[in-house]
Protein backbone atom coordinates (compact mmCIF):
# COMPACT_ATOMS: atom_id res chain seq x y z
CA MET A 1 57.26 -52.26 -15.42
CA THR A 2 56.72 -55.82 -16.61
CA ASN A 3 56.80 -58.44 -13.87
CA PHE A 4 59.70 -60.84 -14.08
CA ARG A 5 61.85 -63.09 -11.93
CA LEU A 6 65.62 -62.77 -11.89
CA HIS A 7 67.75 -65.87 -12.08
CA PRO A 8 71.21 -65.98 -10.46
CA SER A 9 72.77 -66.14 -13.92
CA ARG A 10 71.47 -62.59 -14.54
CA LEU A 11 73.42 -61.06 -11.68
CA ILE A 12 75.55 -58.19 -12.96
CA PRO A 13 79.02 -59.39 -14.03
CA CYS A 14 80.96 -57.33 -11.46
CA TYR A 15 79.30 -59.10 -8.55
CA SER A 16 81.17 -61.89 -6.78
CA ALA A 17 81.20 -65.40 -8.18
CA ALA A 18 80.71 -66.65 -4.62
CA LEU A 19 77.29 -65.01 -4.37
CA LYS A 20 76.29 -66.34 -7.78
CA ASN A 21 77.11 -69.86 -6.63
CA ILE A 22 75.18 -69.43 -3.37
CA LEU A 23 72.05 -68.26 -5.16
CA LYS A 24 72.27 -71.08 -7.70
CA LYS A 25 72.36 -73.78 -5.03
CA ASN A 26 68.67 -73.65 -4.19
CA LEU A 27 67.33 -76.98 -5.36
CA HIS A 28 67.49 -80.45 -3.83
CA TYR A 29 70.38 -79.95 -1.42
CA SER A 30 71.88 -83.41 -1.07
CA ASN A 31 72.54 -84.63 2.45
CA GLU A 32 72.91 -87.82 4.47
CA ASN A 33 70.01 -87.00 6.83
CA VAL A 34 67.23 -88.83 5.01
CA VAL A 35 63.73 -87.74 6.04
CA PRO A 36 61.13 -90.56 5.84
CA ASP A 37 58.24 -90.01 3.45
CA ASP A 38 55.64 -90.01 6.23
CA HIS A 39 57.60 -87.29 8.00
CA LYS A 40 57.60 -85.22 4.79
CA LEU A 41 53.80 -85.45 4.65
CA LEU A 42 53.47 -84.33 8.26
CA ALA A 43 55.95 -81.49 7.72
CA SER A 44 54.15 -80.32 4.58
CA LYS A 45 51.01 -79.61 6.65
CA ILE A 46 53.07 -77.40 8.95
CA TRP A 47 54.85 -75.73 6.01
CA HIS A 48 51.56 -74.75 4.35
CA TYR A 49 50.19 -73.44 7.65
CA LEU A 50 53.26 -71.27 8.22
CA ILE A 51 52.95 -69.64 4.78
CA LEU A 52 50.18 -67.02 4.73
CA GLY A 53 49.84 -66.63 0.97
CA HIS A 54 49.05 -62.92 1.00
CA LYS A 55 48.48 -61.20 -2.32
CA VAL A 56 51.10 -58.47 -2.64
CA THR A 57 50.10 -55.09 -4.07
CA LYS A 58 51.89 -51.74 -4.39
CA SER A 59 52.88 -50.36 -1.01
CA ASP A 60 54.68 -47.54 0.76
CA VAL A 61 57.75 -49.61 1.63
CA ILE A 62 59.20 -53.11 1.38
CA MET A 63 60.73 -54.33 4.65
CA VAL A 64 63.09 -57.30 4.32
CA LEU A 65 63.98 -59.05 7.58
CA GLY A 66 67.49 -60.48 7.80
CA ASN A 67 68.24 -64.18 8.04
CA HIS A 68 70.72 -66.75 6.72
CA ASP A 69 69.09 -67.20 3.29
CA LEU A 70 70.14 -64.77 0.54
CA ARG A 71 67.09 -65.75 -1.50
CA THR A 72 65.09 -63.55 0.87
CA ALA A 73 67.11 -60.53 -0.24
CA GLN A 74 66.71 -61.57 -3.86
CA HIS A 75 62.93 -61.79 -3.48
CA GLY A 76 62.77 -58.36 -1.86
CA ALA A 77 64.87 -56.90 -4.66
CA GLU A 78 62.58 -58.44 -7.28
CA LEU A 79 59.57 -56.80 -5.62
CA TRP A 80 61.28 -53.39 -5.72
CA LEU A 81 62.24 -53.91 -9.38
CA GLN A 82 58.58 -54.68 -10.06
CA GLU A 83 57.82 -51.23 -8.59
CA MET A 84 55.89 -52.63 -5.63
CA ALA A 85 57.21 -49.81 -3.43
CA PRO A 86 59.44 -46.74 -3.79
CA TRP A 87 61.63 -47.76 -0.84
CA ILE A 88 63.16 -51.00 0.39
CA LEU A 89 64.49 -51.44 3.93
CA PHE A 90 66.82 -54.24 5.02
CA SER A 91 66.85 -55.01 8.73
CA GLY A 92 69.20 -57.16 10.79
CA LYS A 93 72.56 -57.40 12.51
CA GLU A 94 72.84 -61.09 13.30
CA GLY A 95 70.72 -63.88 14.70
CA ALA A 96 71.15 -67.44 15.89
CA ASN A 97 71.80 -68.66 12.33
CA THR A 98 74.12 -65.86 11.21
CA ILE A 99 76.48 -65.34 14.14
CA GLY A 100 79.96 -65.49 12.59
CA LYS A 101 78.55 -66.26 9.15
CA TRP A 102 79.35 -62.92 7.52
CA THR A 103 81.75 -60.07 8.30
CA GLU A 104 78.97 -57.49 7.89
CA PRO A 105 75.45 -57.21 9.37
CA GLU A 106 72.66 -59.09 7.63
CA ALA A 107 71.21 -55.79 6.43
CA LYS A 108 74.39 -54.84 4.58
CA VAL A 109 74.80 -58.32 3.09
CA PHE A 110 71.21 -58.19 1.83
CA LYS A 111 71.77 -54.67 0.48
CA ASN A 112 74.71 -55.95 -1.58
CA VAL A 113 72.49 -58.61 -3.10
CA ALA A 114 69.84 -56.01 -3.97
CA VAL A 115 72.32 -53.60 -5.54
CA SER A 116 73.81 -56.41 -7.60
CA LEU A 117 70.36 -57.11 -9.00
CA GLY A 118 69.82 -53.50 -10.04
CA VAL A 119 68.10 -51.87 -7.06
CA ASN A 120 68.94 -48.16 -6.80
CA ARG A 121 71.13 -47.80 -3.71
CA ASN A 122 69.57 -44.37 -3.09
CA ARG A 123 66.25 -46.12 -2.48
CA ILE A 124 67.66 -48.54 0.09
CA LEU A 125 67.34 -48.03 3.86
CA LEU A 126 69.36 -49.98 6.42
CA GLU A 127 68.63 -51.08 9.96
CA PRO A 128 71.82 -52.95 11.00
CA ASN A 129 71.24 -53.56 14.74
CA ALA A 130 68.34 -56.03 15.16
CA THR A 131 69.12 -59.48 16.60
CA ASN A 132 65.59 -60.94 16.63
CA THR A 133 62.23 -60.46 14.94
CA GLY A 134 60.88 -58.11 17.58
CA GLU A 135 63.90 -55.85 17.17
CA ASN A 136 63.53 -56.03 13.37
CA VAL A 137 60.08 -54.54 13.81
CA LYS A 138 60.87 -51.91 16.45
CA PHE A 139 64.21 -50.74 15.04
CA SER A 140 62.85 -50.55 11.48
CA TYR A 141 60.03 -48.36 12.75
CA GLU A 142 62.62 -46.00 14.23
CA VAL A 143 64.55 -45.82 10.94
CA LEU A 144 61.41 -45.07 8.94
CA GLN A 145 60.22 -42.55 11.50
CA HIS A 146 63.56 -40.74 11.39
CA MET A 147 63.37 -40.55 7.59
CA ASN A 148 59.72 -39.43 7.71
CA LEU A 149 58.82 -42.52 5.67
CA LEU A 150 56.47 -44.38 7.99
CA PRO A 151 53.97 -46.36 5.90
CA LYS A 152 50.47 -44.92 6.04
CA ASP A 153 48.55 -47.32 3.81
CA LYS A 154 50.47 -50.54 3.06
CA ILE A 155 53.71 -52.32 3.92
CA ILE A 156 55.24 -55.48 2.45
CA LEU A 157 57.20 -57.77 4.77
CA VAL A 158 59.68 -60.26 3.27
CA GLN A 159 61.06 -63.29 5.10
CA MET A 160 61.80 -66.99 4.60
CA PRO A 161 58.71 -69.10 3.78
CA TYR A 162 58.40 -70.86 7.13
CA MET A 163 58.91 -67.54 8.96
CA GLU A 164 55.93 -65.82 7.33
CA ARG A 165 53.30 -66.45 10.00
CA ARG A 166 55.65 -65.84 12.91
CA THR A 167 56.91 -62.58 11.38
CA TYR A 168 53.38 -61.36 10.71
CA ALA A 169 52.27 -62.18 14.25
CA THR A 170 55.27 -60.32 15.69
CA PHE A 171 54.71 -57.28 13.48
CA MET A 172 51.02 -57.06 14.37
CA LYS A 173 51.90 -57.11 18.07
CA GLN A 174 54.99 -54.92 18.18
CA TRP A 175 54.74 -52.33 15.37
CA PRO A 176 54.37 -48.93 17.12
CA GLY A 177 52.97 -47.31 13.98
CA PHE A 178 49.43 -48.64 14.40
CA CYS A 179 48.75 -45.64 16.64
CA GLU A 180 49.28 -43.29 13.67
CA SER A 181 47.98 -45.67 10.98
CA PRO A 182 45.44 -48.07 12.55
CA ASP A 183 44.28 -49.24 9.13
CA LEU A 184 47.76 -50.11 7.84
CA GLN A 185 47.58 -53.14 5.53
CA VAL A 186 50.36 -55.62 6.21
CA MET A 187 51.29 -58.05 3.43
CA MET A 188 53.62 -60.98 4.09
CA THR A 189 55.61 -62.68 1.35
CA SER A 190 58.61 -64.96 0.82
CA PRO A 191 60.53 -66.68 -1.99
CA PRO A 192 58.00 -68.98 -3.75
CA ILE A 193 59.92 -72.22 -3.28
CA PRO A 194 58.28 -75.57 -2.36
CA MET A 195 59.35 -77.26 0.87
CA LEU A 196 61.20 -80.14 -0.77
CA ASN A 197 63.15 -77.71 -2.96
CA TYR A 198 63.95 -75.28 -0.17
CA PRO A 199 67.05 -76.95 1.38
CA ASN A 200 70.41 -75.68 0.14
CA THR A 201 73.89 -75.01 1.45
CA GLU A 202 72.66 -71.87 3.23
CA VAL A 203 69.62 -73.18 5.12
CA GLY A 204 70.83 -76.78 5.44
CA SER A 205 69.23 -80.14 4.84
CA LEU A 206 65.52 -80.97 4.80
CA ARG A 207 65.89 -82.18 8.38
CA ASP A 208 67.33 -78.78 9.30
CA VAL A 209 64.45 -76.99 7.58
CA ILE A 210 61.84 -79.12 9.34
CA SER A 211 63.57 -78.48 12.66
CA ALA A 212 63.37 -74.72 12.04
CA MET A 213 59.70 -75.05 11.09
CA MET A 214 59.01 -76.90 14.32
CA GLY A 215 60.71 -74.09 16.24
CA CYS A 216 58.53 -71.51 14.50
CA LEU A 217 55.34 -73.39 15.31
CA TYR A 218 56.45 -73.82 18.92
CA ARG A 219 56.94 -70.05 19.21
CA ILE A 220 53.65 -69.29 17.48
CA GLN A 221 51.99 -71.24 20.31
CA SER A 222 54.08 -69.95 23.22
CA TYR A 223 55.07 -66.37 22.37
CA PRO A 224 51.61 -64.77 22.62
CA GLN A 225 51.64 -65.56 26.35
CA LYS A 226 54.91 -63.62 26.64
CA GLY A 227 53.54 -60.62 24.76
CA PHE A 228 55.78 -61.12 21.73
CA GLN A 229 53.14 -62.01 19.12
CA ILE A 230 49.41 -61.89 18.50
CA LYS A 231 47.58 -65.14 19.18
CA GLN A 232 46.74 -67.27 16.14
CA ALA A 233 44.57 -70.33 15.76
CA VAL A 234 46.39 -73.55 14.89
CA PRO A 235 44.31 -76.24 13.12
CA ASP A 236 44.11 -79.64 14.82
CA SER A 237 45.69 -81.35 11.81
CA VAL A 238 48.73 -79.07 12.11
CA LEU A 239 49.02 -79.66 15.86
CA GLN A 240 48.76 -83.40 15.34
CA SER A 241 51.53 -83.30 12.72
CA TYR A 242 53.65 -81.24 15.09
CA GLN A 243 53.18 -83.69 17.96
CA LYS A 244 53.98 -86.72 15.79
CA LEU A 245 57.20 -85.15 14.51
CA LEU A 246 58.06 -83.98 18.02
CA SER A 247 57.74 -87.52 19.33
CA THR A 248 60.43 -88.75 16.92
CA ASN A 249 63.07 -86.52 18.61
CA MET A 250 64.52 -85.87 15.15
CA TYR A 251 63.45 -82.25 14.72
CA ASN A 252 63.68 -80.64 18.15
CA ASP A 253 66.80 -78.50 17.61
CA HIS A 254 64.93 -75.18 17.93
CA ILE A 255 62.55 -76.12 20.73
CA HIS A 256 63.63 -75.11 24.22
CA THR A 257 60.94 -75.73 26.81
CA LYS A 258 62.95 -74.85 29.90
């Protein structure tokens, strides 16, 4: 199948106008929280560190982790339509950013996006109970194990851009399947959207995005000690950018040190 990218305008006509509007609003979200240019430069170093840039190849399954950004579901659907895997699994009930946001679990909301884009519903698996990344990993393993579809060679993980590194680190620490498939290749991917274009009505302003990035980097540093993630090296330039932004007290929403 020829590789292509679907635009919101190509959603099938029967799908809701509300979803079409949500997916269209993905560029230059206007807001009153102006981020200084020097802060943007510091944040861009963190953004590029958090994105792993894995090359995605054909795999056994695509696993899409739930969140508050429907573009993640769209990206996962595009990968399936490009025949990158025979199965696609959506995982998630609700998290900090989706509590009360939808009337259905994240997994079902994401499934609806995928079906609207042409994904065969008979090739979709659901894990509708996870409330954090660790549970995404463990509960998805259980679903795949029950269906006798555990990946043996390769798996594609799909998340938001700034969640790539954190998701990968969690998967590598908490996936039970490495006992059966120690050589499993794990590929991380996300919607290919630059940082300055990423804010929209779903994920919030640029300040909101930077705050979430800061929270991810904080957890990348602290969670290995708690056994939640593998340990990863953080370049000095990234740590320095983190500390400078932290000192402004503008982006600390997702950092809880107590």
